[in-house]
Amino acid sequence: MINVLIADEHSLFRQAVRSALETEYDLTVVAEAADGLEAVEAAGMSAPDIALIDTDLPKCNGIDATRTVRERVPGCKVLVLSNHQDRAALFNAIQAGASGYLTKAIPLAKLIEAVRAVLRGETIVPPAMLGDLLSQLVQSKEQQNDVIRRLSRLTRREREVLALLVEGADNDVVAQRLVISPETARTHIQNILGKLDVHSRLEALALVLRNNIVKDMILA
């Protein structure tokens, strides 16, 4: 059996999807959730094969819920559902680890087909939105590569300082943790800002935190 989680604020929608899915011999709904926090908890408890997650969930939106579900239950695929075609939501859903994105306007039979396709390893995207998604992904990759190039200019010590800044350390804490003088810590920070081509610590932190791969490189 294929175990399914349905996360949507509206109980009527959940009931309709459950009824459609459970007419199929190989699909069963093991959990429902009315908000993002419930979705994450339910996924952790039931370990579904696939979660159908609405983008506009209360308490924790569907994109954040998707990311957390994928982190906590790696074996669970996610198919994100939206009330309308939203390019930003599509891009963010794919970045969060979703295997597909569909609008609720599709027939339930098409939704069932999409569930099976995702479990076969396919990525489901409305054809009219595919070109824009690819352009966004290419642009995002180029931006990330630029950040990685800037990061590569840092020395090992400067990366250590930057990692501490990400943790919220000030000059004195950096100096204490690395057993250097506050003046040396200040010099390292100024060098980091120059090499990353930013004007403040906040810009440097934003650059790192917006790019998960870069963050992982620094904190490794």
C-alpha atoms as a PDB file:
ATOM      1  CA  MET A   1       0.000   0.000   0.000  1.00  0.00           C
ATOM      2  CA  ILE A   2       1.032   3.599  -0.659  1.00  0.00           C
ATOM      3  CA  ASN A   3       0.569   5.650   2.514  1.00  0.00           C
ATOM      4  CA  VAL A   4      -0.585   9.245   2.002  1.00  0.00           C
ATOM      5  CA  LEU A   5      -0.726  12.311   4.249  1.00  0.00           C
ATOM      6  CA  ILE A   6      -3.134  15.132   3.327  1.00  0.00           C
ATOM      7  CA  ALA A   7      -2.415  18.589   4.756  1.00  0.00           C
ATOM      8  CA  ASP A   8      -5.006  21.260   4.003  1.00  0.00           C
ATOM      9  CA  GLU A   9      -6.827  23.809   6.145  1.00  0.00           C
ATOM     10  CA  HIS A  10     -10.231  22.887   4.719  1.00  0.00           C
ATOM     11  CA  SER A  11     -11.772  19.650   5.959  1.00  0.00           C
ATOM     12  CA  LEU A  12     -14.078  19.348   2.934  1.00  0.00           C
ATOM     13  CA  PHE A  13     -11.093  19.350   0.590  1.00  0.00           C
ATOM     14  CA  ARG A  14      -9.303  16.752   2.717  1.00  0.00           C
ATOM     15  CA  GLN A  15     -12.385  14.554   2.735  1.00  0.00           C
ATOM     16  CA  ALA A  16     -12.813  14.827  -1.025  1.00  0.00           C
ATOM     17  CA  VAL A  17      -9.187  13.900  -1.682  1.00  0.00           C
ATOM     18  CA  ARG A  18      -9.301  11.068   0.856  1.00  0.00           C
ATOM     19  CA  SER A  19     -12.440   9.626  -0.777  1.00  0.00           C
ATOM     20  CA  ALA A  20     -10.851   9.768  -4.233  1.00  0.00           C
ATOM     21  CA  LEU A  21      -7.555   8.240  -3.126  1.00  0.00           C
ATOM     22  CA  GLU A  22      -9.103   5.420  -1.165  1.00  0.00           C
ATOM     23  CA  THR A  23     -11.113   4.227  -4.156  1.00  0.00           C
ATOM     24  CA  GLU A  24      -7.746   3.062  -5.491  1.00  0.00           C
ATOM     25  CA  TYR A  25      -6.589  -0.424  -4.459  1.00  0.00           C
ATOM     26  CA  ASP A  26      -3.052   0.683  -3.590  1.00  0.00           C
ATOM     27  CA  LEU A  27      -3.600   4.059  -1.889  1.00  0.00           C
ATOM     28  CA  THR A  28      -4.536   4.708   1.723  1.00  0.00           C
ATOM     29  CA  VAL A  29      -4.631   7.924   3.738  1.00  0.00           C
ATOM     30  CA  VAL A  30      -2.762   7.394   7.006  1.00  0.00           C
ATOM     31  CA  ALA A  31      -2.984  10.953   8.363  1.00  0.00           C
ATOM     32  CA  GLU A  32      -4.585  14.358   7.876  1.00  0.00           C
ATOM     33  CA  ALA A  33      -3.471  17.793   9.052  1.00  0.00           C
ATOM     34  CA  ALA A  34      -5.178  21.186   9.143  1.00  0.00           C
ATOM     35  CA  ASP A  35      -2.034  23.295   9.531  1.00  0.00           C
ATOM     36  CA  GLY A  36       1.693  23.158   8.905  1.00  0.00           C
ATOM     37  CA  LEU A  37       2.706  22.170  12.422  1.00  0.00           C
ATOM     38  CA  GLU A  38       0.219  19.303  12.408  1.00  0.00           C
ATOM     39  CA  ALA A  39       1.551  18.222   9.020  1.00  0.00           C
ATOM     40  CA  VAL A  40       5.111  17.986  10.303  1.00  0.00           C
ATOM     41  CA  GLU A  41       4.030  16.109  13.428  1.00  0.00           C
ATOM     42  CA  ALA A  42       1.774  13.746  11.488  1.00  0.00           C
ATOM     43  CA  ALA A  43       4.521  12.992   8.966  1.00  0.00           C
ATOM     44  CA  GLY A  44       6.928  12.152  11.773  1.00  0.00           C
ATOM     45  CA  MET A  45       4.438   9.804  13.413  1.00  0.00           C
ATOM     46  CA  SER A  46       3.017   8.060  10.327  1.00  0.00           C
ATOM     47  CA  ALA A  47       6.043   8.140   7.974  1.00  0.00           C
ATOM     48  CA  PRO A  48       3.925   8.382   4.796  1.00  0.00           C
ATOM     49  CA  ASP A  49       5.259   7.587   1.349  1.00  0.00           C
ATOM     50  CA  ILE A  50       3.893  10.889   0.042  1.00  0.00           C
ATOM     51  CA  ALA A  51       2.423  14.054   1.547  1.00  0.00           C
ATOM     52  CA  LEU A  52      -0.014  16.330  -0.266  1.00  0.00           C
ATOM     53  CA  ILE A  53       0.641  19.763   1.248  1.00  0.00           C
ATOM     54  CA  ASP A  54      -1.261  22.977   0.546  1.00  0.00           C
ATOM     55  CA  THR A  55       0.889  26.100   0.148  1.00  0.00           C
ATOM     56  CA  ASP A  56      -1.316  28.283   2.363  1.00  0.00           C
ATOM     57  CA  LEU A  57      -1.409  26.301   5.593  1.00  0.00           C
ATOM     58  CA  PRO A  58      -1.844  28.276   8.828  1.00  0.00           C
ATOM     59  CA  LYS A  59       0.726  28.308  11.671  1.00  0.00           C
ATOM     60  CA  CYS A  60       3.477  27.035   9.366  1.00  0.00           C
ATOM     61  CA  ASN A  61       3.072  27.615   5.627  1.00  0.00           C
ATOM     62  CA  GLY A  62       3.199  24.760   3.177  1.00  0.00           C
ATOM     63  CA  ILE A  63       6.677  25.587   1.892  1.00  0.00           C
ATOM     64  CA  ASP A  64       8.234  25.561   5.360  1.00  0.00           C
ATOM     65  CA  ALA A  65       6.262  22.437   6.234  1.00  0.00           C
ATOM     66  CA  THR A  66       7.561  20.760   3.068  1.00  0.00           C
ATOM     67  CA  ARG A  67      11.151  21.593   3.959  1.00  0.00           C
ATOM     68  CA  THR A  68      10.777  20.263   7.498  1.00  0.00           C
ATOM     69  CA  VAL A  69       8.977  17.087   6.431  1.00  0.00           C
ATOM     70  CA  ARG A  70      11.694  16.353   3.880  1.00  0.00           C
ATOM     71  CA  GLU A  71      14.376  16.879   6.540  1.00  0.00           C
ATOM     72  CA  ARG A  72      12.699  14.753   9.207  1.00  0.00           C
ATOM     73  CA  VAL A  73      11.205  12.049   6.976  1.00  0.00           C
ATOM     74  CA  PRO A  74      13.583  11.767   3.986  1.00  0.00           C
ATOM     75  CA  GLY A  75      11.640   8.847   2.532  1.00  0.00           C
ATOM     76  CA  CYS A  76       8.494  10.945   2.215  1.00  0.00           C
ATOM     77  CA  LYS A  77       7.890  12.603  -1.152  1.00  0.00           C
ATOM     78  CA  VAL A  78       5.940  15.871  -1.192  1.00  0.00           C
ATOM     79  CA  LEU A  79       3.438  17.078  -3.773  1.00  0.00           C
ATOM     80  CA  VAL A  80       2.548  20.718  -3.154  1.00  0.00           C
ATOM     81  CA  LEU A  81      -0.944  21.958  -4.007  1.00  0.00           C
ATOM     82  CA  SER A  82      -1.977  25.567  -4.590  1.00  0.00           C
ATOM     83  CA  ASN A  83      -5.197  27.448  -5.291  1.00  0.00           C
ATOM     84  CA  HIS A  84      -3.657  29.058  -8.368  1.00  0.00           C
ATOM     85  CA  GLN A  85      -0.481  29.067 -10.442  1.00  0.00           C
ATOM     86  CA  ASP A  86       2.077  30.980  -8.383  1.00  0.00           C
ATOM     87  CA  ARG A  87       5.586  31.109  -9.855  1.00  0.00           C
ATOM     88  CA  ALA A  88       7.231  32.080  -6.580  1.00  0.00           C
ATOM     89  CA  ALA A  89       5.452  29.276  -4.726  1.00  0.00           C
ATOM     90  CA  LEU A  90       6.510  26.756  -7.380  1.00  0.00           C
ATOM     91  CA  PHE A  91      10.158  27.821  -7.193  1.00  0.00           C
ATOM     92  CA  ASN A  92      10.169  27.819  -3.391  1.00  0.00           C
ATOM     93  CA  ALA A  93       8.456  24.437  -3.255  1.00  0.00           C
ATOM     94  CA  ILE A  94      11.050  22.816  -5.501  1.00  0.00           C
ATOM     95  CA  GLN A  95      13.846  24.479  -3.526  1.00  0.00           C
ATOM     96  CA  ALA A  96      12.295  23.110  -0.327  1.00  0.00           C
ATOM     97  CA  GLY A  97      12.458  19.575  -1.690  1.00  0.00           C
ATOM     98  CA  ALA A  98       9.004  19.041  -3.183  1.00  0.00           C
ATOM     99  CA  SER A  99       8.731  16.575  -6.050  1.00  0.00           C
ATOM    100  CA  GLY A 100       5.859  18.375  -7.676  1.00  0.00           C
ATOM    101  CA  TYR A 101       3.462  21.301  -7.728  1.00  0.00           C
ATOM    102  CA  LEU A 102      -0.137  21.318  -8.938  1.00  0.00           C
ATOM    103  CA  THR A 103      -3.148  23.580  -8.670  1.00  0.00           C
ATOM    104  CA  LYS A 104      -6.331  22.373  -7.026  1.00  0.00           C
ATOM    105  CA  ALA A 105      -8.172  22.972 -10.290  1.00  0.00           C
ATOM    106  CA  ILE A 106      -6.950  19.650 -11.676  1.00  0.00           C
ATOM    107  CA  PRO A 107      -9.385  16.697 -11.719  1.00  0.00           C
ATOM    108  CA  LEU A 108      -8.957  14.226  -8.878  1.00  0.00           C
ATOM    109  CA  ALA A 109      -8.062  11.536 -11.403  1.00  0.00           C
ATOM    110  CA  LYS A 110      -5.092  13.666 -12.510  1.00  0.00           C
ATOM    111  CA  LEU A 111      -4.057  14.118  -8.873  1.00  0.00           C
ATOM    112  CA  ILE A 112      -4.003  10.352  -8.420  1.00  0.00           C
ATOM    113  CA  GLU A 113      -1.861  10.005 -11.557  1.00  0.00           C
ATOM    114  CA  ALA A 114       0.488  12.653 -10.170  1.00  0.00           C
ATOM    115  CA  VAL A 115       0.823  10.811  -6.849  1.00  0.00           C
ATOM    116  CA  ARG A 116       1.925   7.655  -8.637  1.00  0.00           C
ATOM    117  CA  ALA A 117       4.249   9.594 -10.955  1.00  0.00           C
ATOM    118  CA  VAL A 118       6.001  11.278  -8.022  1.00  0.00           C
ATOM    119  CA  LEU A 119       6.505   7.912  -6.341  1.00  0.00           C
ATOM    120  CA  ARG A 120       8.090   6.637  -9.574  1.00  0.00           C
ATOM    121  CA  GLY A 121      10.651   9.411  -9.205  1.00  0.00           C
ATOM    122  CA  GLU A 122       9.145  11.938 -11.614  1.00  0.00           C
ATOM    123  CA  THR A 123       8.892  15.676 -10.949  1.00  0.00           C
ATOM    124  CA  ILE A 124       5.453  17.114 -11.642  1.00  0.00           C
ATOM    125  CA  VAL A 125       5.190  20.726 -12.824  1.00  0.00           C
ATOM    126  CA  PRO A 126       2.403  22.360 -14.885  1.00  0.00           C
ATOM    127  CA  PRO A 127       3.784  22.594 -18.461  1.00  0.00           C
ATOM    128  CA  ALA A 128       2.954  26.305 -18.701  1.00  0.00           C
ATOM    129  CA  MET A 129       5.149  27.003 -15.678  1.00  0.00           C
ATOM    130  CA  LEU A 130       8.130  24.821 -16.566  1.00  0.00           C
ATOM    131  CA  GLY A 131      10.080  27.375 -18.644  1.00  0.00           C
ATOM    132  CA  ASP A 132       9.897  30.038 -15.957  1.00  0.00           C
ATOM    133  CA  LEU A 133      10.908  27.540 -13.271  1.00  0.00           C
ATOM    134  CA  LEU A 134      13.985  26.485 -15.238  1.00  0.00           C
ATOM    135  CA  SER A 135      14.987  30.149 -15.706  1.00  0.00           C
ATOM    136  CA  GLN A 136      14.641  30.788 -11.972  1.00  0.00           C
ATOM    137  CA  LEU A 137      16.663  27.700 -11.083  1.00  0.00           C
ATOM    138  CA  VAL A 138      19.458  28.699 -13.471  1.00  0.00           C
ATOM    139  CA  GLN A 139      19.521  32.224 -12.050  1.00  0.00           C
ATOM    140  CA  SER A 140      19.574  30.889  -8.489  1.00  0.00           C
ATOM    141  CA  LYS A 141      22.434  28.540  -9.328  1.00  0.00           C
ATOM    142  CA  GLU A 142      24.430  31.360 -10.896  1.00  0.00           C
ATOM    143  CA  GLN A 143      23.925  33.519  -7.810  1.00  0.00           C
ATOM    144  CA  GLN A 144      25.009  30.681  -5.542  1.00  0.00           C
ATOM    145  CA  ASN A 145      28.105  30.039  -7.639  1.00  0.00           C
ATOM    146  CA  ASP A 146      28.994  33.732  -7.334  1.00  0.00           C
ATOM    147  CA  VAL A 147      28.725  33.534  -3.538  1.00  0.00           C
ATOM    148  CA  ILE A 148      30.865  30.381  -3.486  1.00  0.00           C
ATOM    149  CA  ARG A 149      33.520  32.150  -5.582  1.00  0.00           C
ATOM    150  CA  ARG A 150      33.578  35.010  -3.080  1.00  0.00           C
ATOM    151  CA  LEU A 151      33.718  32.591  -0.169  1.00  0.00           C
ATOM    152  CA  SER A 152      36.715  30.829  -1.709  1.00  0.00           C
ATOM    153  CA  ARG A 153      38.729  34.034  -1.200  1.00  0.00           C
ATOM    154  CA  LEU A 154      38.570  33.599   2.582  1.00  0.00           C
ATOM    155  CA  THR A 155      41.375  32.003   4.526  1.00  0.00           C
ATOM    156  CA  ARG A 156      40.645  29.138   6.916  1.00  0.00           C
ATOM    157  CA  ARG A 157      40.859  31.534   9.870  1.00  0.00           C
ATOM    158  CA  GLU A 158      38.466  33.977   8.203  1.00  0.00           C
ATOM    159  CA  ARG A 159      35.964  31.164   7.662  1.00  0.00           C
ATOM    160  CA  GLU A 160      36.217  30.322  11.360  1.00  0.00           C
ATOM    161  CA  VAL A 161      35.485  33.953  12.207  1.00  0.00           C
ATOM    162  CA  LEU A 162      32.552  34.041   9.793  1.00  0.00           C
ATOM    163  CA  ALA A 163      31.126  30.847  11.324  1.00  0.00           C
ATOM    164  CA  LEU A 164      31.196  32.527  14.732  1.00  0.00           C
ATOM    165  CA  LEU A 165      29.490  35.614  13.326  1.00  0.00           C
ATOM    166  CA  VAL A 166      26.733  33.356  11.973  1.00  0.00           C
ATOM    167  CA  GLU A 167      26.285  32.068  15.532  1.00  0.00           C
ATOM    168  CA  GLY A 168      25.832  35.664  16.731  1.00  0.00           C
ATOM    169  CA  ALA A 169      29.274  36.275  18.226  1.00  0.00           C
ATOM    170  CA  ASP A 170      30.601  39.829  18.635  1.00  0.00           C
ATOM    171  CA  ASN A 171      34.270  40.908  18.429  1.00  0.00           C
ATOM    172  CA  ASP A 172      35.041  39.979  22.032  1.00  0.00           C
ATOM    173  CA  VAL A 173      33.466  36.524  21.744  1.00  0.00           C
ATOM    174  CA  VAL A 174      35.308  35.873  18.466  1.00  0.00           C
ATOM    175  CA  ALA A 175      38.572  36.889  20.163  1.00  0.00           C
ATOM    176  CA  GLN A 176      37.927  34.646  23.162  1.00  0.00           C
ATOM    177  CA  ARG A 177      36.853  31.614  21.141  1.00  0.00           C
ATOM    178  CA  LEU A 178      39.821  31.825  18.752  1.00  0.00           C
ATOM    179  CA  VAL A 179      42.304  33.006  21.402  1.00  0.00           C
ATOM    180  CA  ILE A 180      43.230  36.163  19.512  1.00  0.00           C
ATOM    181  CA  SER A 181      43.120  39.854  20.422  1.00  0.00           C
ATOM    182  CA  PRO A 182      39.960  41.932  19.788  1.00  0.00           C
ATOM    183  CA  GLU A 183      41.994  44.043  17.337  1.00  0.00           C
ATOM    184  CA  THR A 184      42.934  40.924  15.355  1.00  0.00           C
ATOM    185  CA  ALA A 185      39.325  39.796  15.378  1.00  0.00           C
ATOM    186  CA  ARG A 186      38.276  43.215  14.058  1.00  0.00           C
ATOM    187  CA  THR A 187      40.889  42.984  11.290  1.00  0.00           C
ATOM    188  CA  HIS A 188      39.650  39.528  10.261  1.00  0.00           C
ATOM    189  CA  ILE A 189      36.080  40.817  10.091  1.00  0.00           C
ATOM    190  CA  GLN A 190      37.063  43.787   7.932  1.00  0.00           C
ATOM    191  CA  ASN A 191      38.948  41.429   5.592  1.00  0.00           C
ATOM    192  CA  ILE A 192      35.895  39.159   5.379  1.00  0.00           C
ATOM    193  CA  LEU A 193      33.627  42.058   4.441  1.00  0.00           C
ATOM    194  CA  GLY A 194      36.048  43.145   1.736  1.00  0.00           C
ATOM    195  CA  LYS A 195      36.475  39.686   0.226  1.00  0.00           C
ATOM    196  CA  LEU A 196      32.725  39.018   0.239  1.00  0.00           C
ATOM    197  CA  ASP A 197      32.127  42.457  -1.292  1.00  0.00           C
ATOM    198  CA  VAL A 198      29.610  43.507   1.372  1.00  0.00           C
ATOM    199  CA  HIS A 199      29.461  46.606   3.562  1.00  0.00           C
ATOM    200  CA  SER A 200      28.353  45.274   6.927  1.00  0.00           C
ATOM    201  CA  ARG A 201      28.158  42.182   9.083  1.00  0.00           C
ATOM    202  CA  LEU A 202      24.424  42.004   8.454  1.00  0.00           C
ATOM    203  CA  GLU A 203      25.000  41.841   4.699  1.00  0.00           C
ATOM    204  CA  ALA A 204      27.606  39.118   5.193  1.00  0.00           C
ATOM    205  CA  LEU A 205      25.258  37.069   7.374  1.00  0.00           C
ATOM    206  CA  ALA A 206      22.362  37.536   4.952  1.00  0.00           C
ATOM    207  CA  LEU A 207      24.589  36.338   2.109  1.00  0.00           C
ATOM    208  CA  VAL A 208      25.479  33.186   4.018  1.00  0.00           C
ATOM    209  CA  LEU A 209      22.049  32.399   5.430  1.00  0.00           C
ATOM    210  CA  ARG A 210      20.307  32.806   2.063  1.00  0.00           C
ATOM    211  CA  ASN A 211      22.551  30.110   0.581  1.00  0.00           C
ATOM    212  CA  ASN A 212      22.319  26.778   2.396  1.00  0.00           C
ATOM    213  CA  ILE A 213      25.224  25.212   0.514  1.00  0.00           C
ATOM    214  CA  VAL A 214      27.453  28.166   1.400  1.00  0.00           C
ATOM    215  CA  LYS A 215      26.328  27.983   5.016  1.00  0.00           C
ATOM    216  CA  ASP A 216      27.220  24.287   5.140  1.00  0.00           C
ATOM    217  CA  MET A 217      30.670  25.034   3.706  1.00  0.00           C
ATOM    218  CA  ILE A 218      31.375  27.614   6.397  1.00  0.00           C
ATOM    219  CA  LEU A 219      30.045  25.579   9.305  1.00  0.00           C
ATOM    220  CA  ALA A 220      31.689  22.333   8.225  1.00  0.00           C
END
